[in-house]
Amino acid sequence: MNLIKFTRSIFLICCLLFIAGIQPGFKWKINAMAQENIISQESILELSPQEKLDLEQGNVVLKGQKGNYLGRVLAQGDIDTAWEVLSDNDNFDRFLPNIAASKIITEEGDRIVFEQINVVDLWLFKQEFKVQIEAIKNKPTQVDFRIIDGDLKKLIGRWEISQTASGKILVSHGVEVEPGSETEKPFFYGVYESTLEDTLKAISQEISQRSL
């Protein structure tokens, strides 16, 4: 397998985890499985005692495997501040790991298309990768996304934010992702899961810092 093609697919992991959204009736829809995951499991009350404890301790709770994931993290703050972070496309490179640049290409109402460049260390060298994302923002609690240009076979999902009874912000992220090559899957998913955890942590920290 061509090494450059292999590494480029890995870099997509890092730049496609955080993006915006879809609304019902729009020209594209989230796969029913991903949508059901984020809606039916949204409430913090449905978490196990250990998962609740992990969240309260500042840890990421991540479920799923082989390209279907549901992640959650808590942050100190309010809905408006959390929304500001999730929709701050032009500044993702400032607070999200591995993102070197991010800029909006077109914006029309709630729909945006933006470009992201990720730089990732892979063993003894660094690789840069560019990708375009189509997104629709459903203010103030939902951001859905899909890839429109890149090497991944599939990337589609949703971010949601809600306020818990304790006054904290629960950030939930459901996603379906699939690499372009079958031969890359075992390594791809391991890297993706690790990057998703780092991204959720970074979002929680940014929400908390902006809320001070």
Protein backbone atom coordinates (compact mmCIF):
# COMPACT_ATOMS: atom_id res chain seq x y z
CA MET A 1 0.00 0.00 0.00
CA ASN A 2 1.27 3.47 -0.87
CA LEU A 3 2.60 5.07 2.33
CA ILE A 4 1.53 8.61 1.43
CA LYS A 5 -2.04 7.50 0.70
CA PHE A 6 -2.10 5.60 3.96
CA THR A 7 -0.87 8.54 6.03
CA ARG A 8 -3.20 11.00 4.35
CA SER A 9 -6.16 8.91 5.43
CA ILE A 10 -4.89 8.93 9.00
CA PHE A 11 -4.65 12.72 8.99
CA LEU A 12 -8.28 13.04 8.02
CA ILE A 13 -9.12 11.63 11.41
CA CYS A 14 -7.80 14.69 13.14
CA CYS A 15 -9.49 17.40 11.09
CA LEU A 16 -12.94 15.92 10.65
CA LEU A 17 -14.10 15.39 14.18
CA PHE A 18 -15.44 18.76 15.01
CA ILE A 19 -17.77 20.30 12.53
CA ALA A 20 -21.27 21.61 12.03
CA GLY A 21 -24.63 20.36 11.00
CA ILE A 22 -27.77 19.16 9.35
CA GLN A 23 -31.42 19.93 9.93
CA PRO A 24 -34.45 17.71 9.18
CA GLY A 25 -35.60 18.18 5.59
CA PHE A 26 -32.23 19.45 4.39
CA LYS A 27 -30.77 17.95 1.22
CA TRP A 28 -28.76 15.39 3.19
CA LYS A 29 -29.56 13.55 6.39
CA ILE A 30 -27.67 11.78 9.14
CA ASN A 31 -27.79 8.02 8.93
CA ALA A 32 -30.62 6.77 11.15
CA MET A 33 -28.23 4.86 13.41
CA ALA A 34 -26.05 7.88 14.21
CA GLN A 35 -29.09 10.08 14.72
CA GLU A 36 -30.74 7.55 17.03
CA ASN A 37 -27.55 7.21 19.08
CA ILE A 38 -27.27 10.91 19.82
CA ILE A 39 -30.99 11.43 20.47
CA SER A 40 -31.89 8.33 22.46
CA GLN A 41 -28.76 8.43 24.63
CA GLU A 42 -28.51 12.18 25.06
CA SER A 43 -29.61 12.40 28.70
CA ILE A 44 -26.99 12.17 31.37
CA LEU A 45 -29.55 10.27 33.44
CA GLU A 46 -29.14 7.28 31.10
CA LEU A 47 -25.46 6.90 31.93
CA SER A 48 -24.22 4.26 34.35
CA PRO A 49 -23.04 5.35 37.83
CA GLN A 50 -19.42 4.82 36.77
CA GLU A 51 -19.88 6.86 33.58
CA LYS A 52 -21.48 9.69 35.56
CA LEU A 53 -18.55 9.62 37.96
CA ASP A 54 -16.07 9.67 35.08
CA LEU A 55 -17.80 12.70 33.58
CA GLU A 56 -17.88 14.56 36.88
CA GLN A 57 -14.15 13.90 37.25
CA GLY A 58 -13.52 15.57 33.90
CA ASN A 59 -13.04 12.42 31.83
CA VAL A 60 -14.42 11.64 28.38
CA VAL A 61 -16.98 8.83 28.12
CA LEU A 62 -16.65 7.19 24.70
CA LYS A 63 -18.77 4.28 23.47
CA GLY A 64 -18.78 2.37 20.20
CA GLN A 65 -16.34 0.70 17.87
CA LYS A 66 -15.38 0.21 14.22
CA GLY A 67 -16.49 3.63 13.05
CA ASN A 68 -19.66 4.21 15.09
CA TYR A 69 -19.05 6.32 18.20
CA LEU A 70 -20.90 8.29 20.84
CA GLY A 71 -18.74 10.49 23.06
CA ARG A 72 -19.61 12.77 25.96
CA VAL A 73 -17.82 15.25 28.18
CA LEU A 74 -18.87 17.82 30.79
CA ALA A 75 -17.78 21.45 30.89
CA GLN A 76 -18.27 24.39 33.22
CA GLY A 77 -20.26 27.14 31.52
CA ASP A 78 -23.55 27.91 29.83
CA ILE A 79 -25.29 27.03 26.58
CA ASP A 80 -24.40 30.29 24.85
CA THR A 81 -20.69 29.89 25.58
CA ALA A 82 -20.71 26.24 24.50
CA TRP A 83 -22.41 27.22 21.26
CA GLU A 84 -19.83 29.92 20.66
CA VAL A 85 -17.08 27.29 20.92
CA LEU A 86 -18.77 24.68 18.72
CA SER A 87 -19.46 27.21 15.96
CA ASP A 88 -16.11 29.03 16.06
CA ASN A 89 -14.91 27.55 12.76
CA ASP A 90 -12.40 30.29 12.00
CA ASN A 91 -10.52 29.64 15.25
CA PHE A 92 -10.49 25.85 15.55
CA ASP A 93 -6.72 25.92 15.04
CA ARG A 94 -6.40 27.94 18.25
CA PHE A 95 -7.90 25.36 20.60
CA LEU A 96 -8.37 22.00 18.80
CA PRO A 97 -5.43 19.56 18.60
CA ASN A 98 -3.58 19.07 15.30
CA ILE A 99 -5.54 21.70 13.36
CA ALA A 100 -3.15 24.11 11.64
CA ALA A 101 -5.74 26.30 9.88
CA SER A 102 -9.51 26.58 9.52
CA LYS A 103 -11.51 29.05 7.44
CA ILE A 104 -15.06 29.42 6.20
CA ILE A 105 -15.34 29.28 2.41
CA THR A 106 -19.05 30.02 2.01
CA GLU A 107 -21.79 30.90 4.46
CA GLU A 108 -25.50 31.17 3.72
CA GLY A 109 -27.91 31.28 6.63
CA ASP A 110 -27.19 28.33 8.89
CA ARG A 111 -25.24 26.48 6.19
CA ILE A 112 -21.49 26.81 5.85
CA VAL A 113 -18.70 25.16 3.92
CA PHE A 114 -15.29 25.45 5.45
CA GLU A 115 -11.79 24.23 4.85
CA GLN A 116 -9.44 22.78 7.43
CA ILE A 117 -5.76 21.93 7.37
CA ASN A 118 -4.35 19.43 9.83
CA VAL A 119 -0.73 18.76 10.63
CA VAL A 120 0.00 15.48 12.39
CA ASP A 121 3.24 13.92 13.61
CA LEU A 122 3.56 10.39 12.29
CA TRP A 123 6.67 8.64 13.47
CA LEU A 124 9.64 10.59 12.05
CA PHE A 125 7.83 13.12 9.86
CA LYS A 126 4.86 15.46 9.71
CA GLN A 127 2.06 15.38 7.15
CA GLU A 128 -0.35 18.15 6.19
CA PHE A 129 -3.84 17.41 4.91
CA LYS A 130 -6.66 19.65 3.65
CA VAL A 131 -10.38 18.80 3.73
CA GLN A 132 -13.70 20.55 3.07
CA ILE A 133 -16.77 20.15 5.27
CA GLU A 134 -20.40 21.06 4.68
CA ALA A 135 -22.22 22.11 7.83
CA ILE A 136 -25.53 23.45 9.09
CA LYS A 137 -25.88 25.03 12.52
CA ASN A 138 -29.10 24.65 14.47
CA LYS A 139 -28.56 27.28 17.16
CA PRO A 140 -28.15 27.00 20.12
CA THR A 141 -27.82 23.27 20.76
CA GLN A 142 -27.08 21.24 17.61
CA VAL A 143 -24.32 21.10 15.02
CA ASP A 144 -24.30 18.37 12.33
CA PHE A 145 -21.69 17.72 9.66
CA ARG A 146 -20.52 15.72 6.67
CA ILE A 147 -17.40 15.58 4.55
CA ILE A 148 -17.78 16.80 0.96
CA ASP A 149 -14.18 16.47 -0.20
CA GLY A 150 -11.48 14.14 1.06
CA ASP A 151 -10.19 10.57 1.20
CA LEU A 152 -12.62 9.16 3.76
CA LYS A 153 -15.38 6.93 2.47
CA LYS A 154 -17.79 8.24 5.12
CA LEU A 155 -17.88 10.93 7.77
CA ILE A 156 -21.22 12.15 9.06
CA GLY A 157 -22.43 13.02 12.54
CA ARG A 158 -23.75 15.45 15.08
CA TRP A 159 -22.69 17.57 18.03
CA GLU A 160 -25.26 18.44 20.71
CA ILE A 161 -25.06 20.50 23.87
CA SER A 162 -27.42 20.53 26.86
CA GLN A 163 -27.41 21.82 30.42
CA THR A 164 -27.47 19.29 33.26
CA ALA A 165 -29.32 19.53 36.55
CA SER A 166 -26.03 20.45 38.23
CA GLY A 167 -25.64 23.45 35.91
CA LYS A 168 -22.81 22.01 33.83
CA ILE A 169 -22.79 21.64 30.04
CA LEU A 170 -23.01 18.15 28.55
CA VAL A 171 -21.36 17.94 25.13
CA SER A 172 -22.41 14.89 23.10
CA HIS A 173 -20.95 13.75 19.80
CA GLY A 174 -22.30 10.97 17.57
CA VAL A 175 -20.38 10.06 14.43
CA GLU A 176 -20.08 7.43 11.70
CA VAL A 177 -16.73 7.25 9.94
CA GLU A 178 -15.11 4.89 7.47
CA PRO A 179 -11.68 5.08 5.81
CA GLY A 180 -11.25 4.95 2.06
CA SER A 181 -9.41 1.62 2.09
CA GLU A 182 -10.41 -1.64 3.79
CA THR A 183 -6.75 -2.38 4.56
CA GLU A 184 -6.47 0.75 6.72
CA LYS A 185 -9.37 0.01 9.08
CA PRO A 186 -7.59 -1.70 12.03
CA PHE A 187 -5.07 1.12 12.49
CA PHE A 188 -7.45 3.88 11.41
CA TYR A 189 -10.07 3.29 14.09
CA GLY A 190 -7.53 3.16 16.91
CA VAL A 191 -6.08 6.53 15.93
CA TYR A 192 -9.55 7.99 15.38
CA GLU A 193 -10.76 7.01 18.85
CA SER A 194 -7.72 8.56 20.51
CA THR A 195 -8.11 11.77 18.53
CA LEU A 196 -11.82 11.97 19.34
CA GLU A 197 -11.07 11.81 23.06
CA ASP A 198 -8.47 14.58 22.73
CA THR A 199 -10.93 16.73 20.77
CA LEU A 200 -13.69 16.34 23.35
CA LYS A 201 -11.26 17.26 26.15
CA ALA A 202 -10.13 20.34 24.23
CA ILE A 203 -13.73 21.47 23.66
CA SER A 204 -14.55 21.06 27.35
CA GLN A 205 -11.49 23.08 28.35
CA GLU A 206 -12.28 25.85 25.87
CA ILE A 207 -15.88 26.15 27.07
CA SER A 208 -14.73 26.32 30.69
CA GLN A 209 -12.02 28.90 29.95
CA ARG A 210 -14.39 31.16 28.00
CA SER A 211 -16.90 30.97 30.84
CA LEU A 212 -14.53 32.37 33.47
